[in-house]
Amino acid sequence: MNIFVAKLNYDTSDDTLLGAFEEFGTVDSAKIIFDKFTGRSKGFGFVEMPNDSEAQNAINSLNETELDGRTIVVKVAEPKGERPQRRERY
C-alpha cells in the first residue's frame, strides 16, 4: 500500500519517516519529497508497505500524531490519475 504523509516538519528525514512506520510492520520505502529548485522539503512524503493490514494499522495509529514536533496527516495515497485538477493560477 502506498501511504501519503503530510504536514511533516521540514527537517524530517527519510530515516525518521521510515522508523515511525517500521513500528507497524515491513516498510519497502519511505521518501520525503523535495523541491527540485530549492532543495528544501515540501513537507510531505510517501511510505510503501507491502502488507495492507499493517499499512492500515500504521495509518490509523499515526494519523493526527506528532512527529518531529508537528502533527502529521497520514492516509492512503491516491493514484495520480484520480486527483482533482488544480486551478490555473493567473
N, C-alpha and C. Protein backbone atom coordinates (compact mmCIF):
# COMPACT_ATOMS: atom_id res chain seq x y z
N MET A 1 0.85 -1.18 0.00
CA MET A 1 0.00 0.00 0.00
C MET A 1 0.89 1.24 0.00
N ASN A 2 0.50 2.22 -0.77
CA ASN A 2 1.20 3.50 -0.83
C ASN A 2 0.50 4.46 0.12
N ILE A 3 1.26 5.04 1.05
CA ILE A 3 0.70 5.89 2.09
C ILE A 3 1.24 7.31 1.91
N PHE A 4 0.33 8.29 2.00
CA PHE A 4 0.67 9.71 1.89
C PHE A 4 0.80 10.28 3.30
N VAL A 5 1.90 10.98 3.57
CA VAL A 5 2.13 11.59 4.88
C VAL A 5 2.35 13.09 4.67
N ALA A 6 1.48 13.91 5.26
CA ALA A 6 1.53 15.36 5.07
C ALA A 6 1.79 16.09 6.38
N LYS A 7 2.07 17.39 6.26
CA LYS A 7 2.34 18.30 7.38
C LYS A 7 3.60 17.90 8.14
N LEU A 8 4.59 17.36 7.42
CA LEU A 8 5.85 16.97 8.04
C LEU A 8 6.69 18.20 8.36
N ASN A 9 7.48 18.09 9.40
CA ASN A 9 8.48 19.09 9.73
C ASN A 9 9.47 19.15 8.55
N TYR A 10 9.91 20.31 8.16
CA TYR A 10 10.83 20.44 7.02
C TYR A 10 12.18 19.78 7.29
N ASP A 11 12.48 19.50 8.54
CA ASP A 11 13.74 18.84 8.89
C ASP A 11 13.61 17.32 9.03
N THR A 12 12.40 16.77 8.88
CA THR A 12 12.21 15.33 8.99
C THR A 12 12.94 14.64 7.84
N SER A 13 13.65 13.55 8.17
CA SER A 13 14.42 12.82 7.17
C SER A 13 13.68 11.54 6.74
N ASP A 14 14.15 10.96 5.64
CA ASP A 14 13.61 9.67 5.18
C ASP A 14 13.74 8.63 6.29
N ASP A 15 14.87 8.61 6.99
CA ASP A 15 15.11 7.63 8.04
C ASP A 15 14.14 7.80 9.21
N THR A 16 13.83 9.03 9.57
CA THR A 16 12.87 9.28 10.65
C THR A 16 11.49 8.78 10.24
N LEU A 17 11.10 9.06 9.02
CA LEU A 17 9.81 8.61 8.50
C LEU A 17 9.76 7.08 8.47
N LEU A 18 10.83 6.47 8.00
CA LEU A 18 10.93 5.02 7.96
C LEU A 18 10.77 4.43 9.36
N GLY A 19 11.47 4.99 10.33
CA GLY A 19 11.42 4.49 11.70
C GLY A 19 10.03 4.54 12.29
N ALA A 20 9.29 5.60 12.00
CA ALA A 20 7.93 5.74 12.53
C ALA A 20 7.02 4.63 12.01
N PHE A 21 7.19 4.26 10.75
CA PHE A 21 6.31 3.25 10.15
C PHE A 21 6.79 1.82 10.39
N GLU A 22 8.09 1.62 10.61
CA GLU A 22 8.62 0.28 10.87
C GLU A 22 8.06 -0.32 12.16
N GLU A 23 7.57 0.52 13.06
CA GLU A 23 6.97 0.01 14.29
C GLU A 23 5.71 -0.80 14.01
N PHE A 24 5.14 -0.64 12.82
CA PHE A 24 3.89 -1.31 12.48
C PHE A 24 4.05 -2.46 11.49
N GLY A 25 5.26 -2.66 10.98
CA GLY A 25 5.50 -3.76 10.05
C GLY A 25 6.59 -3.45 9.05
N THR A 26 6.63 -4.25 8.02
CA THR A 26 7.65 -4.13 6.97
C THR A 26 7.39 -2.88 6.12
N VAL A 27 8.46 -2.13 5.88
CA VAL A 27 8.38 -0.93 5.04
C VAL A 27 9.32 -1.12 3.85
N ASP A 28 8.78 -1.02 2.64
CA ASP A 28 9.61 -1.13 1.44
C ASP A 28 10.38 0.15 1.18
N SER A 29 9.75 1.32 1.41
CA SER A 29 10.43 2.59 1.19
C SER A 29 9.72 3.71 1.94
N ALA A 30 10.50 4.74 2.26
CA ALA A 30 9.97 5.96 2.88
C ALA A 30 10.72 7.12 2.23
N LYS A 31 9.98 8.04 1.61
CA LYS A 31 10.62 9.09 0.82
C LYS A 31 9.96 10.43 1.08
N ILE A 32 10.77 11.39 1.52
CA ILE A 32 10.33 12.78 1.65
C ILE A 32 10.47 13.43 0.27
N ILE A 33 9.51 14.25 -0.11
CA ILE A 33 9.54 14.93 -1.41
C ILE A 33 10.20 16.30 -1.23
N PHE A 34 11.17 16.58 -2.09
CA PHE A 34 11.92 17.84 -2.04
C PHE A 34 11.64 18.69 -3.27
N ASP A 35 11.67 20.00 -3.10
CA ASP A 35 11.54 20.94 -4.20
C ASP A 35 12.79 20.85 -5.06
N LYS A 36 12.63 20.66 -6.35
CA LYS A 36 13.80 20.47 -7.21
C LYS A 36 14.62 21.74 -7.41
N PHE A 37 14.04 22.90 -7.16
CA PHE A 37 14.77 24.15 -7.35
C PHE A 37 15.48 24.61 -6.08
N THR A 38 14.79 24.50 -4.94
CA THR A 38 15.38 24.98 -3.69
C THR A 38 16.09 23.89 -2.90
N GLY A 39 15.74 22.63 -3.16
CA GLY A 39 16.31 21.53 -2.41
C GLY A 39 15.71 21.37 -1.02
N ARG A 40 14.69 22.15 -0.72
CA ARG A 40 14.02 22.11 0.59
C ARG A 40 12.85 21.12 0.56
N SER A 41 12.59 20.48 1.69
CA SER A 41 11.46 19.58 1.81
C SER A 41 10.17 20.30 1.49
N LYS A 42 9.23 19.60 0.85
CA LYS A 42 7.92 20.18 0.58
C LYS A 42 6.95 19.92 1.73
N GLY A 43 7.41 19.17 2.75
CA GLY A 43 6.56 18.93 3.92
C GLY A 43 5.64 17.74 3.78
N PHE A 44 5.88 16.90 2.77
CA PHE A 44 5.11 15.67 2.65
C PHE A 44 5.98 14.57 2.07
N GLY A 45 5.47 13.35 2.18
CA GLY A 45 6.23 12.21 1.67
C GLY A 45 5.33 11.01 1.48
N PHE A 46 5.95 9.91 1.07
CA PHE A 46 5.23 8.67 0.80
C PHE A 46 5.95 7.50 1.44
N VAL A 47 5.16 6.55 1.92
CA VAL A 47 5.69 5.33 2.52
C VAL A 47 5.02 4.15 1.82
N GLU A 48 5.83 3.17 1.43
CA GLU A 48 5.31 1.95 0.79
C GLU A 48 5.40 0.80 1.78
N MET A 49 4.25 0.16 2.06
CA MET A 49 4.22 -1.01 2.91
C MET A 49 3.54 -2.15 2.15
N PRO A 50 4.20 -3.34 2.08
CA PRO A 50 3.65 -4.44 1.28
C PRO A 50 2.42 -5.11 1.89
N ASN A 51 2.28 -5.07 3.21
CA ASN A 51 1.16 -5.73 3.87
C ASN A 51 0.06 -4.69 4.16
N ASP A 52 -1.10 -4.86 3.52
CA ASP A 52 -2.17 -3.87 3.64
C ASP A 52 -2.71 -3.74 5.06
N SER A 53 -2.79 -4.83 5.81
CA SER A 53 -3.31 -4.72 7.17
C SER A 53 -2.33 -3.98 8.08
N GLU A 54 -1.03 -4.22 7.90
CA GLU A 54 -0.02 -3.47 8.65
C GLU A 54 -0.06 -1.99 8.27
N ALA A 55 -0.22 -1.73 6.98
CA ALA A 55 -0.29 -0.35 6.49
C ALA A 55 -1.51 0.37 7.07
N GLN A 56 -2.66 -0.29 7.08
CA GLN A 56 -3.87 0.33 7.61
C GLN A 56 -3.74 0.59 9.10
N ASN A 57 -3.09 -0.33 9.81
CA ASN A 57 -2.84 -0.14 11.24
C ASN A 57 -1.93 1.08 11.46
N ALA A 58 -0.89 1.23 10.62
CA ALA A 58 0.00 2.38 10.71
C ALA A 58 -0.76 3.68 10.45
N ILE A 59 -1.62 3.69 9.44
CA ILE A 59 -2.41 4.88 9.12
C ILE A 59 -3.29 5.25 10.31
N ASN A 60 -4.01 4.26 10.84
CA ASN A 60 -4.92 4.52 11.96
C ASN A 60 -4.17 4.99 13.21
N SER A 61 -2.99 4.45 13.43
CA SER A 61 -2.22 4.77 14.63
C SER A 61 -1.46 6.09 14.53
N LEU A 62 -0.95 6.43 13.33
CA LEU A 62 -0.09 7.60 13.18
C LEU A 62 -0.81 8.88 12.76
N ASN A 63 -2.01 8.75 12.16
CA ASN A 63 -2.73 9.94 11.71
C ASN A 63 -3.04 10.84 12.90
N GLU A 64 -2.78 12.14 12.75
CA GLU A 64 -3.01 13.15 13.78
C GLU A 64 -2.15 12.93 15.03
N THR A 65 -0.94 12.35 14.84
CA THR A 65 0.02 12.23 15.94
C THR A 65 1.20 13.14 15.65
N GLU A 66 2.07 13.29 16.63
CA GLU A 66 3.21 14.19 16.48
C GLU A 66 4.45 13.45 16.01
N LEU A 67 5.14 14.03 15.04
CA LEU A 67 6.41 13.52 14.55
C LEU A 67 7.32 14.73 14.34
N ASP A 68 8.45 14.75 15.00
CA ASP A 68 9.40 15.88 14.91
C ASP A 68 8.74 17.22 15.23
N GLY A 69 7.83 17.21 16.21
CA GLY A 69 7.22 18.46 16.65
C GLY A 69 6.05 18.95 15.83
N ARG A 70 5.61 18.18 14.85
CA ARG A 70 4.45 18.58 14.02
C ARG A 70 3.39 17.48 14.06
N THR A 71 2.12 17.87 14.03
CA THR A 71 1.02 16.91 13.96
C THR A 71 0.84 16.54 12.50
N ILE A 72 1.07 15.27 12.19
CA ILE A 72 1.06 14.82 10.79
C ILE A 72 -0.31 14.27 10.38
N VAL A 73 -0.54 14.25 9.08
CA VAL A 73 -1.73 13.66 8.48
C VAL A 73 -1.25 12.45 7.69
N VAL A 74 -1.89 11.30 7.93
CA VAL A 74 -1.49 10.06 7.28
C VAL A 74 -2.72 9.43 6.66
N LYS A 75 -2.66 9.12 5.35
CA LYS A 75 -3.79 8.49 4.67
C LYS A 75 -3.31 7.70 3.47
N VAL A 76 -4.21 6.91 2.91
CA VAL A 76 -3.88 6.13 1.71
C VAL A 76 -3.64 7.12 0.57
N ALA A 77 -2.54 6.92 -0.15
CA ALA A 77 -2.23 7.81 -1.29
C ALA A 77 -3.17 7.52 -2.44
N GLU A 78 -3.62 8.59 -3.08
CA GLU A 78 -4.47 8.44 -4.26
C GLU A 78 -3.60 8.29 -5.50
N PRO A 79 -3.97 7.39 -6.42
CA PRO A 79 -3.21 7.30 -7.67
C PRO A 79 -3.23 8.63 -8.40
N LYS A 80 -2.17 8.94 -9.13
CA LYS A 80 -2.05 10.24 -9.80
C LYS A 80 -3.25 10.58 -10.66
N GLY A 81 -3.79 9.64 -11.39
CA GLY A 81 -4.89 9.91 -12.30
C GLY A 81 -6.19 10.26 -11.62
N GLU A 82 -6.35 9.98 -10.32
CA GLU A 82 -7.61 10.20 -9.64
C GLU A 82 -7.65 11.50 -8.83
N ARG A 83 -6.57 12.25 -8.85
CA ARG A 83 -6.55 13.52 -8.12
C ARG A 83 -7.34 14.57 -8.89
N PRO A 84 -8.00 15.50 -8.16
CA PRO A 84 -8.71 16.58 -8.87
C PRO A 84 -7.73 17.51 -9.55
N GLN A 85 -8.18 18.11 -10.64
CA GLN A 85 -7.34 19.05 -11.38
C GLN A 85 -7.07 20.27 -10.53
N ARG A 86 -5.86 20.80 -10.65
CA ARG A 86 -5.51 22.04 -9.95
C ARG A 86 -5.99 23.23 -10.75
N ARG A 87 -6.34 24.28 -10.03
CA ARG A 87 -6.75 25.52 -10.70
C ARG A 87 -5.57 26.16 -11.37
N GLU A 88 -5.84 26.80 -12.47
CA GLU A 88 -4.79 27.59 -13.13
C GLU A 88 -4.57 28.86 -12.34
N ARG A 89 -3.32 29.24 -12.21
CA ARG A 89 -3.01 30.48 -11.49
C ARG A 89 -2.79 31.60 -12.49
N TYR A 90 -3.22 32.78 -12.10
CA TYR A 90 -3.10 33.93 -13.01
C TYR A 90 -2.08 34.89 -12.52
